[in-house]
Each structure stands twice: as C-alpha cells, then as structure tokens.
Amino acid sequence: MRALSLVCTLNSSPTPSSSLLLSEQISAELDKLGVTTETVRVADHDVRPGIGVDMGEGDAWPMLREKVHQADILVIATPIWLGHPSSICQRVLERLNAESSETDERGRPLLYDKVAAVAVVGNEDGAHKVSADVFQALNDVGFSLAPGAVTYWVGEAQQGTDYKDLDGTPEAVADTTHTLAVNTVHLATLLKDHPYPAG
C-alpha cells in the first residue's frame, strides 16, 4: 500500500509549514499501518496552471501525476487563505481535473479505486468549508473518501498562532488523524481487492 501527500503550503522548503507538519503526522499514522508514504511540497516544483496532463517544457506536473497514479492513497494538505484552500491546492485540483478524460482499458476513470484524504490548517474557522471544496473536487475526478477523511486544526479567531508553533499536538487532532489513517487504509484495501466495476 502506497500513500502520497501533496502539501500545498505557499512556502517552499525549508520554510517551516503547519500544513507539512499535519501531513507528516498523517504519514506517521499510515506508517504504523504498513503503508509506504511519500511527501511532496508542491511549492518546490514548477506546476504550471492549466487543466492538461502536460503543460509543456518545464512543467513538473507530469512527474507528480506519475506519483499520484502509483499511490493507492492521496493526501492533500492545505492551509486556509481567505476562507479557501490555498492557490497551490486549487492548482493541484485543476491539474487533477485532466484525469476526467483519461480512462483505463475497461473504460473506467484512471483514479477509480484510489482513496483520498485531506488535512487543513489555519488561524480562522473554515476547515469544514475548505475540506468540502477539496472533497468534491477529488470525488469528481474519481477518488473515494472514507468516513472521517479530514483532519484539521484552526486557531482562535483574530490570533496569530500557527499549528507548528503549538507546544504539542492537541489530543482531538491526534485522535482525528488516527481515525483518518485507519479508515482510509481500510477503504483502500477493500478497493484494491474489489475494484469498482466498469460502466
């Protein structure tokens, strides 16, 4: 079982990132379940705007797309900006939209039988709205979602504390992250053994 986390922080490496931290905590839970994990910070790569599989010379998406196809589980981690997923997250979703016209030898969308989960961080409320936006986009292109497929942390309104600056992981976040991992792996295992039918 393989999982890929696409971290959609606006900051490139090595800048500390709350989205990266929460993504790494999901990966740690997946590791405990025997899943091989990989994390990619999208801001470190030149992912071009557009809805094509390959937007031409220099576009890093084809490499990331190959990783998506090799994974059984995709985790999207995003901060909340102005009540929305980050612009990088939106770009990833737009590039995934190209998969809508790609099918396998049975005529099924290529991303069928893959499972997705979401991680959201921010200083204001909005985690449910952001996860709903990302959930719908992922489901539209073929991913399945297990119950409890999001873990999130939002700070108190009008404050500037980041998730990465907390003294420790809040128990509620840790419990939610654990549930996300268990349910997502369970569904991915079921779909690996019993793929969706064609047509």
N, C-alpha and C. Protein backbone atom coordinates (compact mmCIF):
# COMPACT_ATOMS: atom_id res chain seq x y z
N MET A 1 0.86 -1.18 0.00
CA MET A 1 0.00 0.00 0.00
C MET A 1 0.90 1.24 0.00
N ARG A 2 0.61 2.19 -0.89
CA ARG A 2 1.43 3.40 -1.02
C ARG A 2 0.54 4.62 -0.84
N ALA A 3 1.09 5.63 -0.18
CA ALA A 3 0.37 6.90 0.01
C ALA A 3 1.27 8.04 -0.42
N LEU A 4 0.67 9.03 -1.06
CA LEU A 4 1.36 10.25 -1.48
C LEU A 4 0.67 11.43 -0.82
N SER A 5 1.45 12.29 -0.18
CA SER A 5 0.92 13.52 0.38
C SER A 5 1.41 14.69 -0.45
N LEU A 6 0.48 15.48 -0.98
CA LEU A 6 0.81 16.70 -1.69
C LEU A 6 0.53 17.86 -0.74
N VAL A 7 1.58 18.50 -0.28
CA VAL A 7 1.47 19.59 0.69
C VAL A 7 1.39 20.90 -0.08
N CYS A 8 0.31 21.63 0.15
CA CYS A 8 0.01 22.81 -0.67
C CYS A 8 0.23 24.11 0.08
N THR A 9 1.19 24.13 1.00
CA THR A 9 1.61 25.37 1.61
C THR A 9 2.11 26.32 0.53
N LEU A 10 1.98 27.63 0.76
CA LEU A 10 2.50 28.60 -0.21
C LEU A 10 4.00 28.75 -0.10
N ASN A 11 4.60 28.24 0.97
CA ASN A 11 6.03 28.41 1.21
C ASN A 11 6.82 27.21 0.72
N SER A 12 7.90 27.49 0.03
CA SER A 12 8.78 26.41 -0.43
C SER A 12 9.74 26.02 0.70
N SER A 13 10.40 24.87 0.53
CA SER A 13 11.37 24.40 1.52
C SER A 13 12.54 25.39 1.60
N PRO A 14 13.16 25.54 2.76
CA PRO A 14 12.93 24.81 4.01
C PRO A 14 12.07 25.56 5.02
N THR A 15 11.27 26.53 4.56
CA THR A 15 10.44 27.31 5.47
C THR A 15 9.52 26.39 6.28
N PRO A 16 9.47 26.54 7.60
CA PRO A 16 8.55 25.71 8.40
C PRO A 16 7.11 25.86 7.92
N SER A 17 6.34 24.78 8.01
CA SER A 17 4.99 24.77 7.47
C SER A 17 4.06 23.96 8.36
N SER A 18 2.95 24.57 8.77
CA SER A 18 1.95 23.85 9.54
C SER A 18 1.28 22.76 8.71
N SER A 19 1.04 23.05 7.43
CA SER A 19 0.43 22.04 6.54
C SER A 19 1.35 20.82 6.43
N LEU A 20 2.64 21.09 6.31
CA LEU A 20 3.61 19.98 6.23
C LEU A 20 3.60 19.17 7.52
N LEU A 21 3.56 19.85 8.67
CA LEU A 21 3.57 19.14 9.95
C LEU A 21 2.36 18.22 10.08
N LEU A 22 1.16 18.72 9.76
CA LEU A 22 -0.02 17.88 9.88
C LEU A 22 0.03 16.73 8.88
N SER A 23 0.55 16.99 7.70
CA SER A 23 0.72 15.94 6.70
C SER A 23 1.68 14.86 7.21
N GLU A 24 2.76 15.29 7.84
CA GLU A 24 3.73 14.33 8.38
C GLU A 24 3.12 13.49 9.50
N GLN A 25 2.22 14.09 10.28
CA GLN A 25 1.55 13.33 11.33
C GLN A 25 0.61 12.28 10.75
N ILE A 26 -0.04 12.60 9.63
CA ILE A 26 -0.85 11.60 8.94
C ILE A 26 0.05 10.47 8.44
N SER A 27 1.19 10.84 7.83
CA SER A 27 2.12 9.83 7.32
C SER A 27 2.61 8.91 8.43
N ALA A 28 2.86 9.48 9.61
CA ALA A 28 3.31 8.65 10.74
C ALA A 28 2.26 7.62 11.11
N GLU A 29 0.98 8.02 11.09
CA GLU A 29 -0.11 7.08 11.38
C GLU A 29 -0.22 6.02 10.27
N LEU A 30 -0.05 6.44 9.04
CA LEU A 30 -0.09 5.48 7.92
C LEU A 30 1.08 4.50 7.99
N ASP A 31 2.25 5.01 8.38
CA ASP A 31 3.42 4.15 8.53
C ASP A 31 3.14 3.01 9.51
N LYS A 32 2.45 3.34 10.61
CA LYS A 32 2.12 2.33 11.63
C LYS A 32 1.23 1.22 11.06
N LEU A 33 0.51 1.56 9.99
CA LEU A 33 -0.40 0.60 9.37
C LEU A 33 0.25 -0.12 8.18
N GLY A 34 1.55 0.06 8.04
CA GLY A 34 2.29 -0.64 7.00
C GLY A 34 2.26 0.01 5.63
N VAL A 35 1.85 1.27 5.58
CA VAL A 35 1.76 1.99 4.30
C VAL A 35 3.09 2.68 4.02
N THR A 36 3.56 2.58 2.81
CA THR A 36 4.75 3.30 2.37
C THR A 36 4.32 4.71 1.98
N THR A 37 4.94 5.72 2.60
CA THR A 37 4.49 7.09 2.39
C THR A 37 5.57 7.94 1.71
N GLU A 38 5.10 8.92 0.98
CA GLU A 38 5.97 9.91 0.34
C GLU A 38 5.29 11.27 0.45
N THR A 39 6.07 12.30 0.74
CA THR A 39 5.54 13.64 0.85
C THR A 39 6.21 14.55 -0.17
N VAL A 40 5.40 15.34 -0.87
CA VAL A 40 5.91 16.30 -1.85
C VAL A 40 5.36 17.68 -1.49
N ARG A 41 6.25 18.63 -1.36
CA ARG A 41 5.86 20.01 -1.13
C ARG A 41 5.72 20.66 -2.50
N VAL A 42 4.50 20.91 -2.91
CA VAL A 42 4.23 21.31 -4.29
C VAL A 42 4.93 22.62 -4.65
N ALA A 43 5.07 23.53 -3.68
CA ALA A 43 5.72 24.82 -3.95
C ALA A 43 7.18 24.67 -4.37
N ASP A 44 7.76 23.50 -4.12
CA ASP A 44 9.15 23.25 -4.53
C ASP A 44 9.26 22.88 -6.00
N HIS A 45 8.12 22.78 -6.69
CA HIS A 45 8.10 22.33 -8.08
C HIS A 45 7.33 23.32 -8.95
N ASP A 46 7.70 23.36 -10.21
CA ASP A 46 7.06 24.28 -11.16
C ASP A 46 5.84 23.61 -11.78
N VAL A 47 4.72 23.67 -11.04
CA VAL A 47 3.46 23.12 -11.55
C VAL A 47 2.74 24.24 -12.28
N ARG A 48 2.62 24.09 -13.58
CA ARG A 48 2.06 25.14 -14.43
C ARG A 48 0.54 25.22 -14.28
N PRO A 49 -0.04 26.39 -14.49
CA PRO A 49 -1.50 26.50 -14.49
C PRO A 49 -2.09 25.82 -15.72
N GLY A 50 -3.31 25.33 -15.58
CA GLY A 50 -3.98 24.68 -16.70
C GLY A 50 -4.71 23.44 -16.25
N ILE A 51 -5.39 22.80 -17.18
CA ILE A 51 -6.11 21.56 -16.86
C ILE A 51 -5.66 20.43 -17.78
N GLY A 52 -4.43 20.52 -18.25
CA GLY A 52 -3.88 19.47 -19.10
C GLY A 52 -3.01 18.52 -18.31
N VAL A 53 -2.81 17.32 -18.86
CA VAL A 53 -1.91 16.33 -18.26
C VAL A 53 -0.47 16.84 -18.28
N ASP A 54 -0.10 17.54 -19.35
CA ASP A 54 1.26 18.06 -19.50
C ASP A 54 1.16 19.43 -20.16
N MET A 55 1.63 20.47 -19.45
CA MET A 55 1.54 21.83 -19.97
C MET A 55 2.82 22.28 -20.64
N GLY A 56 3.67 21.34 -21.04
CA GLY A 56 4.83 21.69 -21.85
C GLY A 56 6.14 21.68 -21.09
N GLU A 57 7.18 22.09 -21.77
CA GLU A 57 8.54 22.04 -21.24
C GLU A 57 8.65 22.75 -19.90
N GLY A 58 9.26 22.07 -18.95
CA GLY A 58 9.45 22.64 -17.63
C GLY A 58 8.33 22.37 -16.64
N ASP A 59 7.21 21.86 -17.12
CA ASP A 59 6.06 21.59 -16.24
C ASP A 59 6.39 20.39 -15.36
N ALA A 60 6.28 20.57 -14.05
CA ALA A 60 6.59 19.49 -13.11
C ALA A 60 5.41 18.56 -12.87
N TRP A 61 4.22 18.93 -13.34
CA TRP A 61 3.06 18.10 -13.03
C TRP A 61 3.17 16.68 -13.55
N PRO A 62 3.68 16.42 -14.77
CA PRO A 62 3.75 15.03 -15.23
C PRO A 62 4.49 14.12 -14.25
N MET A 63 5.54 14.62 -13.61
CA MET A 63 6.26 13.82 -12.62
C MET A 63 5.39 13.58 -11.39
N LEU A 64 4.69 14.62 -10.94
CA LEU A 64 3.83 14.46 -9.78
C LEU A 64 2.63 13.58 -10.12
N ARG A 65 2.12 13.73 -11.33
CA ARG A 65 0.99 12.91 -11.77
C ARG A 65 1.35 11.42 -11.73
N GLU A 66 2.56 11.10 -12.14
CA GLU A 66 3.01 9.70 -12.09
C GLU A 66 3.01 9.19 -10.66
N LYS A 67 3.41 10.02 -9.71
CA LYS A 67 3.38 9.63 -8.30
C LYS A 67 1.94 9.41 -7.83
N VAL A 68 1.03 10.27 -8.28
CA VAL A 68 -0.39 10.10 -7.92
C VAL A 68 -0.89 8.75 -8.42
N HIS A 69 -0.53 8.40 -9.64
CA HIS A 69 -1.01 7.14 -10.21
C HIS A 69 -0.39 5.92 -9.54
N GLN A 70 0.81 6.06 -9.02
CA GLN A 70 1.47 4.94 -8.34
C GLN A 70 0.92 4.73 -6.93
N ALA A 71 0.28 5.75 -6.37
CA ALA A 71 -0.22 5.68 -4.99
C ALA A 71 -1.62 5.09 -4.92
N ASP A 72 -1.91 4.44 -3.82
CA ASP A 72 -3.26 3.96 -3.54
C ASP A 72 -4.06 5.01 -2.78
N ILE A 73 -3.33 5.87 -2.04
CA ILE A 73 -3.94 6.90 -1.20
C ILE A 73 -3.29 8.23 -1.54
N LEU A 74 -4.12 9.26 -1.72
CA LEU A 74 -3.63 10.62 -1.92
C LEU A 74 -4.10 11.48 -0.76
N VAL A 75 -3.16 12.17 -0.12
CA VAL A 75 -3.48 13.14 0.93
C VAL A 75 -3.19 14.53 0.39
N ILE A 76 -4.16 15.41 0.48
CA ILE A 76 -3.98 16.81 0.12
C ILE A 76 -3.96 17.61 1.42
N ALA A 77 -2.87 18.32 1.67
CA ALA A 77 -2.77 19.17 2.86
C ALA A 77 -2.73 20.63 2.42
N THR A 78 -3.61 21.44 2.99
CA THR A 78 -3.68 22.84 2.58
C THR A 78 -3.93 23.76 3.76
N PRO A 79 -3.36 24.95 3.72
CA PRO A 79 -3.78 25.97 4.67
C PRO A 79 -5.07 26.63 4.19
N ILE A 80 -5.69 27.35 5.09
CA ILE A 80 -6.85 28.17 4.74
C ILE A 80 -6.36 29.59 4.47
N TRP A 81 -6.70 30.13 3.31
CA TRP A 81 -6.39 31.53 2.99
C TRP A 81 -7.66 32.21 2.51
N LEU A 82 -8.06 33.25 3.22
CA LEU A 82 -9.28 33.99 2.88
C LEU A 82 -10.48 33.06 2.78
N GLY A 83 -10.51 32.05 3.66
CA GLY A 83 -11.63 31.14 3.70
C GLY A 83 -11.64 30.06 2.64
N HIS A 84 -10.54 29.93 1.90
CA HIS A 84 -10.47 28.97 0.78
C HIS A 84 -9.21 28.12 0.89
N PRO A 85 -9.15 27.00 0.14
CA PRO A 85 -7.89 26.28 0.03
C PRO A 85 -6.83 27.21 -0.59
N SER A 86 -5.57 26.92 -0.37
CA SER A 86 -4.52 27.75 -0.95
C SER A 86 -4.58 27.73 -2.47
N SER A 87 -3.97 28.73 -3.08
CA SER A 87 -3.93 28.79 -4.55
C SER A 87 -3.17 27.59 -5.12
N ILE A 88 -2.19 27.10 -4.38
CA ILE A 88 -1.45 25.91 -4.85
C ILE A 88 -2.35 24.69 -4.81
N CYS A 89 -3.15 24.57 -3.76
CA CYS A 89 -4.12 23.46 -3.69
C CYS A 89 -5.09 23.53 -4.87
N GLN A 90 -5.58 24.72 -5.14
CA GLN A 90 -6.50 24.89 -6.27
C GLN A 90 -5.84 24.49 -7.58
N ARG A 91 -4.57 24.83 -7.73
CA ARG A 91 -3.86 24.46 -8.96
C ARG A 91 -3.73 22.94 -9.06
N VAL A 92 -3.42 22.28 -7.95
CA VAL A 92 -3.33 20.81 -7.96
C VAL A 92 -4.67 20.21 -8.38
N LEU A 93 -5.76 20.73 -7.83
CA LEU A 93 -7.08 20.21 -8.19
C LEU A 93 -7.38 20.45 -9.67
N GLU A 94 -6.98 21.61 -10.17
CA GLU A 94 -7.19 21.90 -11.60
C GLU A 94 -6.40 20.94 -12.48
N ARG A 95 -5.17 20.63 -12.06
CA ARG A 95 -4.38 19.69 -12.86
C ARG A 95 -4.96 18.28 -12.77
N LEU A 96 -5.48 17.92 -11.60
CA LEU A 96 -6.14 16.61 -11.47
C LEU A 96 -7.38 16.53 -12.35
N ASN A 97 -7.98 17.67 -12.66
CA ASN A 97 -9.19 17.68 -13.48
C ASN A 97 -8.95 17.06 -14.86
N ALA A 98 -7.71 17.09 -15.32
CA ALA A 98 -7.39 16.47 -16.61
C ALA A 98 -7.67 14.97 -16.60
N GLU A 99 -7.67 14.37 -15.40
CA GLU A 99 -7.91 12.93 -15.30
C GLU A 99 -9.35 12.57 -15.68
N SER A 100 -10.23 13.54 -15.70
CA SER A 100 -11.63 13.27 -16.01
C SER A 100 -11.81 12.65 -17.39
N SER A 101 -10.88 12.95 -18.30
CA SER A 101 -10.99 12.43 -19.67
C SER A 101 -10.07 11.25 -19.92
N GLU A 102 -9.39 10.77 -18.87
CA GLU A 102 -8.46 9.64 -19.02
C GLU A 102 -9.11 8.38 -18.46
N THR A 103 -9.08 7.28 -19.22
CA THR A 103 -9.71 6.04 -18.77
C THR A 103 -8.76 4.86 -18.93
N ASP A 104 -9.05 3.79 -18.18
CA ASP A 104 -8.24 2.58 -18.30
C ASP A 104 -8.79 1.68 -19.41
N GLU A 105 -8.21 0.47 -19.51
CA GLU A 105 -8.61 -0.44 -20.60
C GLU A 105 -10.05 -0.91 -20.48
N ARG A 106 -10.66 -0.71 -19.30
CA ARG A 106 -12.06 -1.11 -19.09
C ARG A 106 -13.00 0.08 -19.24
N GLY A 107 -12.45 1.24 -19.58
CA GLY A 107 -13.26 2.42 -19.76
C GLY A 107 -13.57 3.17 -18.48
N ARG A 108 -12.88 2.82 -17.39
CA ARG A 108 -13.10 3.48 -16.11
C ARG A 108 -12.13 4.65 -15.93
N PRO A 109 -12.51 5.70 -15.22
CA PRO A 109 -11.55 6.77 -14.90
C PRO A 109 -10.31 6.19 -14.23
N LEU A 110 -9.15 6.74 -14.56
CA LEU A 110 -7.89 6.18 -14.06
C LEU A 110 -7.76 6.26 -12.55
N LEU A 111 -8.45 7.19 -11.91
CA LEU A 111 -8.30 7.36 -10.47
C LEU A 111 -9.32 6.57 -9.65
N TYR A 112 -10.17 5.81 -10.34
CA TYR A 112 -11.06 4.89 -9.61
C TYR A 112 -10.19 3.94 -8.79
N ASP A 113 -10.71 3.48 -7.68
CA ASP A 113 -10.04 2.54 -6.79
C ASP A 113 -8.95 3.20 -5.95
N LYS A 114 -8.80 4.51 -6.08
CA LYS A 114 -7.87 5.25 -5.21
C LYS A 114 -8.68 6.02 -4.17
N VAL A 115 -8.06 6.21 -3.01
CA VAL A 115 -8.73 6.84 -1.88
C VAL A 115 -8.00 8.13 -1.54
N ALA A 116 -8.75 9.15 -1.15
CA ALA A 116 -8.15 10.44 -0.81
C ALA A 116 -8.51 10.85 0.61
N ALA A 117 -7.68 11.71 1.17
CA ALA A 117 -7.95 12.31 2.48
C ALA A 117 -7.38 13.72 2.45
N VAL A 118 -7.82 14.53 3.42
CA VAL A 118 -7.49 15.96 3.40
C VAL A 118 -7.02 16.40 4.79
N ALA A 119 -6.05 17.30 4.81
CA ALA A 119 -5.58 17.94 6.04
C ALA A 119 -5.67 19.45 5.85
N VAL A 120 -6.21 20.14 6.86
CA VAL A 120 -6.43 21.59 6.74
C VAL A 120 -5.91 22.27 8.01
N VAL A 121 -5.19 23.37 7.82
CA VAL A 121 -4.74 24.19 8.96
C VAL A 121 -5.04 25.65 8.67
N GLY A 122 -5.25 26.42 9.75
CA GLY A 122 -5.49 27.85 9.57
C GLY A 122 -5.64 28.55 10.90
N ASN A 123 -5.64 29.86 10.86
CA ASN A 123 -5.80 30.66 12.06
C ASN A 123 -7.24 31.10 12.29
N GLU A 124 -8.11 30.79 11.36
CA GLU A 124 -9.52 31.17 11.47
C GLU A 124 -10.37 29.94 11.14
N ASP A 125 -11.62 29.99 11.52
CA ASP A 125 -12.52 28.90 11.18
C ASP A 125 -12.67 28.82 9.66
N GLY A 126 -13.07 27.67 9.18
CA GLY A 126 -13.24 27.47 7.74
C GLY A 126 -12.79 26.10 7.29
N ALA A 127 -12.38 25.24 8.24
CA ALA A 127 -11.86 23.92 7.87
C ALA A 127 -12.92 23.07 7.19
N HIS A 128 -14.18 23.14 7.65
CA HIS A 128 -15.23 22.34 7.03
C HIS A 128 -15.51 22.81 5.60
N LYS A 129 -15.52 24.10 5.39
CA LYS A 129 -15.76 24.64 4.05
C LYS A 129 -14.63 24.25 3.11
N VAL A 130 -13.39 24.39 3.58
CA VAL A 130 -12.24 24.06 2.75
C VAL A 130 -12.21 22.56 2.44
N SER A 131 -12.44 21.73 3.45
CA SER A 131 -12.42 20.29 3.18
C SER A 131 -13.56 19.90 2.24
N ALA A 132 -14.71 20.55 2.36
CA ALA A 132 -15.82 20.25 1.45
C ALA A 132 -15.45 20.58 0.01
N ASP A 133 -14.78 21.72 -0.20
CA ASP A 133 -14.34 22.09 -1.54
C ASP A 133 -13.39 21.04 -2.12
N VAL A 134 -12.43 20.65 -1.31
CA VAL A 134 -11.42 19.69 -1.79
C VAL A 134 -12.04 18.31 -1.96
N PHE A 135 -12.90 17.90 -1.02
CA PHE A 135 -13.59 16.62 -1.14
C PHE A 135 -14.32 16.51 -2.48
N GLN A 136 -15.10 17.54 -2.82
CA GLN A 136 -15.91 17.49 -4.03
C GLN A 136 -15.03 17.37 -5.27
N ALA A 137 -13.96 18.14 -5.29
CA ALA A 137 -13.05 18.08 -6.44
C ALA A 137 -12.42 16.70 -6.58
N LEU A 138 -11.96 16.13 -5.48
CA LEU A 138 -11.33 14.82 -5.52
C LEU A 138 -12.32 13.75 -5.95
N ASN A 139 -13.55 13.82 -5.43
CA ASN A 139 -14.56 12.85 -5.80
C ASN A 139 -14.94 12.98 -7.27
N ASP A 140 -14.98 14.22 -7.76
CA ASP A 140 -15.33 14.45 -9.17
C ASP A 140 -14.37 13.75 -10.13
N VAL A 141 -13.09 13.67 -9.75
CA VAL A 141 -12.11 13.07 -10.66
C VAL A 141 -11.88 11.59 -10.39
N GLY A 142 -12.62 11.01 -9.40
CA GLY A 142 -12.61 9.56 -9.26
C GLY A 142 -12.18 9.01 -7.92
N PHE A 143 -11.68 9.85 -7.01
CA PHE A 143 -11.25 9.35 -5.70
C PHE A 143 -12.45 9.01 -4.82
N SER A 144 -12.27 8.00 -3.97
CA SER A 144 -13.25 7.68 -2.94
C SER A 144 -12.78 8.27 -1.61
N LEU A 145 -13.75 8.53 -0.73
CA LEU A 145 -13.46 9.13 0.57
C LEU A 145 -14.04 8.25 1.67
N ALA A 146 -13.20 7.92 2.63
CA ALA A 146 -13.67 7.14 3.77
C ALA A 146 -14.36 8.06 4.77
N PRO A 147 -15.15 7.50 5.70
CA PRO A 147 -15.67 8.33 6.78
C PRO A 147 -14.52 8.98 7.56
N GLY A 148 -14.70 10.22 7.93
CA GLY A 148 -13.65 10.90 8.70
C GLY A 148 -12.40 11.16 7.89
N ALA A 149 -12.56 11.52 6.61
CA ALA A 149 -11.41 11.67 5.71
C ALA A 149 -10.73 13.03 5.80
N VAL A 150 -10.96 13.76 6.90
CA VAL A 150 -10.26 15.03 7.08
C VAL A 150 -9.80 15.14 8.52
N THR A 151 -8.61 15.71 8.69
CA THR A 151 -8.14 16.14 10.00
C THR A 151 -7.76 17.60 9.87
N TYR A 152 -7.99 18.36 10.94
CA TYR A 152 -7.74 19.80 10.80
C TYR A 152 -7.45 20.44 12.15
N TRP A 153 -6.87 21.61 12.08
CA TRP A 153 -6.68 22.46 13.25
C TRP A 153 -6.85 23.90 12.81
N VAL A 154 -7.64 24.65 13.54
CA VAL A 154 -7.77 26.08 13.31
C VAL A 154 -7.57 26.81 14.63
N GLY A 155 -6.80 27.87 14.59
CA GLY A 155 -6.56 28.64 15.79
C GLY A 155 -7.71 29.56 16.13
N GLU A 156 -7.61 30.15 17.30
CA GLU A 156 -8.62 31.08 17.75
C GLU A 156 -8.71 32.27 16.81
N ALA A 157 -9.92 32.76 16.58
CA ALA A 157 -10.13 33.91 15.70
C ALA A 157 -9.35 35.12 16.18
N GLN A 158 -8.82 35.88 15.23
CA GLN A 158 -8.10 37.13 15.50
C GLN A 158 -6.76 36.90 16.20
N GLN A 159 -6.26 35.67 16.16
CA GLN A 159 -4.97 35.38 16.78
C GLN A 159 -3.98 34.92 15.71
N GLY A 160 -2.71 34.89 16.05
CA GLY A 160 -1.69 34.57 15.05
C GLY A 160 -0.92 33.30 15.29
N THR A 161 -1.38 32.44 16.19
CA THR A 161 -0.68 31.20 16.48
C THR A 161 -0.83 30.22 15.33
N ASP A 162 0.27 29.60 14.91
CA ASP A 162 0.25 28.58 13.88
C ASP A 162 0.29 27.19 14.52
N TYR A 163 -0.20 26.22 13.79
CA TYR A 163 -0.19 24.84 14.28
C TYR A 163 1.22 24.39 14.63
N LYS A 164 2.17 24.76 13.79
CA LYS A 164 3.55 24.34 14.00
C LYS A 164 4.17 24.96 15.25
N ASP A 165 3.55 26.01 15.78
CA ASP A 165 4.08 26.70 16.96
C ASP A 165 3.47 26.21 18.27
N LEU A 166 2.54 25.26 18.21
CA LEU A 166 1.95 24.72 19.44
C LEU A 166 2.99 23.91 20.22
N ASP A 167 2.80 23.81 21.51
CA ASP A 167 3.72 23.03 22.34
C ASP A 167 3.60 21.53 22.08
N GLY A 168 2.44 21.12 21.62
CA GLY A 168 2.23 19.71 21.32
C GLY A 168 0.98 19.55 20.48
N THR A 169 0.74 18.34 20.00
CA THR A 169 -0.44 18.08 19.19
C THR A 169 -1.66 17.96 20.09
N PRO A 170 -2.71 18.75 19.85
CA PRO A 170 -3.94 18.60 20.64
C PRO A 170 -4.48 17.19 20.52
N GLU A 171 -5.00 16.66 21.62
CA GLU A 171 -5.49 15.29 21.64
C GLU A 171 -6.57 15.05 20.59
N ALA A 172 -7.46 16.03 20.42
CA ALA A 172 -8.54 15.86 19.44
C ALA A 172 -7.98 15.74 18.03
N VAL A 173 -6.94 16.50 17.71
CA VAL A 173 -6.33 16.42 16.39
C VAL A 173 -5.64 15.07 16.21
N ALA A 174 -4.91 14.63 17.22
CA ALA A 174 -4.23 13.34 17.14
C ALA A 174 -5.23 12.20 16.93
N ASP A 175 -6.34 12.24 17.68
CA ASP A 175 -7.35 11.19 17.55
C ASP A 175 -7.99 11.21 16.16
N THR A 176 -8.27 12.41 15.65
CA THR A 176 -8.88 12.53 14.32
C THR A 176 -7.93 12.06 13.23
N THR A 177 -6.65 12.39 13.38
CA THR A 177 -5.64 11.96 12.41
C THR A 177 -5.53 10.45 12.39
N HIS A 178 -5.56 9.84 13.56
CA HIS A 178 -5.51 8.38 13.66
C HIS A 178 -6.71 7.74 12.96
N THR A 179 -7.90 8.27 13.22
CA THR A 179 -9.11 7.74 12.58
C THR A 179 -9.05 7.89 11.07
N LEU A 180 -8.59 9.05 10.61
CA LEU A 180 -8.43 9.26 9.17
C LEU A 180 -7.56 8.16 8.57
N ALA A 181 -6.43 7.89 9.19
CA ALA A 181 -5.50 6.90 8.65
C ALA A 181 -6.12 5.50 8.64
N VAL A 182 -6.72 5.10 9.74
CA VAL A 182 -7.31 3.75 9.83
C VAL A 182 -8.42 3.57 8.80
N ASN A 183 -9.33 4.52 8.72
CA ASN A 183 -10.46 4.38 7.79
C ASN A 183 -10.02 4.46 6.34
N THR A 184 -9.05 5.32 6.06
CA THR A 184 -8.58 5.47 4.68
C THR A 184 -7.87 4.20 4.21
N VAL A 185 -7.03 3.63 5.06
CA VAL A 185 -6.35 2.38 4.70
C VAL A 185 -7.36 1.25 4.54
N HIS A 186 -8.35 1.20 5.41
CA HIS A 186 -9.38 0.16 5.31
C HIS A 186 -10.09 0.23 3.95
N LEU A 187 -10.50 1.43 3.55
CA LEU A 187 -11.20 1.57 2.27
C LEU A 187 -10.27 1.27 1.10
N ALA A 188 -9.03 1.74 1.18
CA ALA A 188 -8.07 1.49 0.09
C ALA A 188 -7.82 -0.01 -0.07
N THR A 189 -7.75 -0.73 1.04
CA THR A 189 -7.55 -2.18 0.99
C THR A 189 -8.74 -2.87 0.34
N LEU A 190 -9.95 -2.45 0.72
CA LEU A 190 -11.15 -3.02 0.11
C LEU A 190 -11.18 -2.79 -1.40
N LEU A 191 -10.84 -1.57 -1.82
CA LEU A 191 -10.89 -1.26 -3.25
C LEU A 191 -9.78 -1.96 -4.02
N LYS A 192 -8.67 -2.22 -3.37
CA LYS A 192 -7.58 -2.95 -4.03
C LYS A 192 -8.02 -4.39 -4.32
N ASP A 193 -8.75 -4.94 -3.36
CA ASP A 193 -9.22 -6.33 -3.52
C ASP A 193 -10.50 -6.43 -4.35
N HIS A 194 -11.31 -5.38 -4.32
CA HIS A 194 -12.60 -5.39 -5.03
C HIS A 194 -12.80 -4.05 -5.77
N PRO A 195 -12.15 -3.92 -6.94
CA PRO A 195 -12.25 -2.67 -7.70
C PRO A 195 -13.69 -2.37 -8.12
N TYR A 196 -13.94 -1.08 -8.39
CA TYR A 196 -15.24 -0.69 -8.90
C TYR A 196 -15.47 -1.33 -10.27
N PRO A 197 -16.71 -1.70 -10.57
CA PRO A 197 -16.99 -2.30 -11.89
C PRO A 197 -16.94 -1.25 -13.00
N ALA A 198 -16.74 -1.73 -14.19
CA ALA A 198 -16.79 -0.83 -15.36
C ALA A 198 -18.23 -0.58 -15.72
N GLY A 199 -18.50 0.69 -16.14
CA GLY A 199 -19.80 1.06 -16.67
C GLY A 199 -20.96 0.55 -15.88
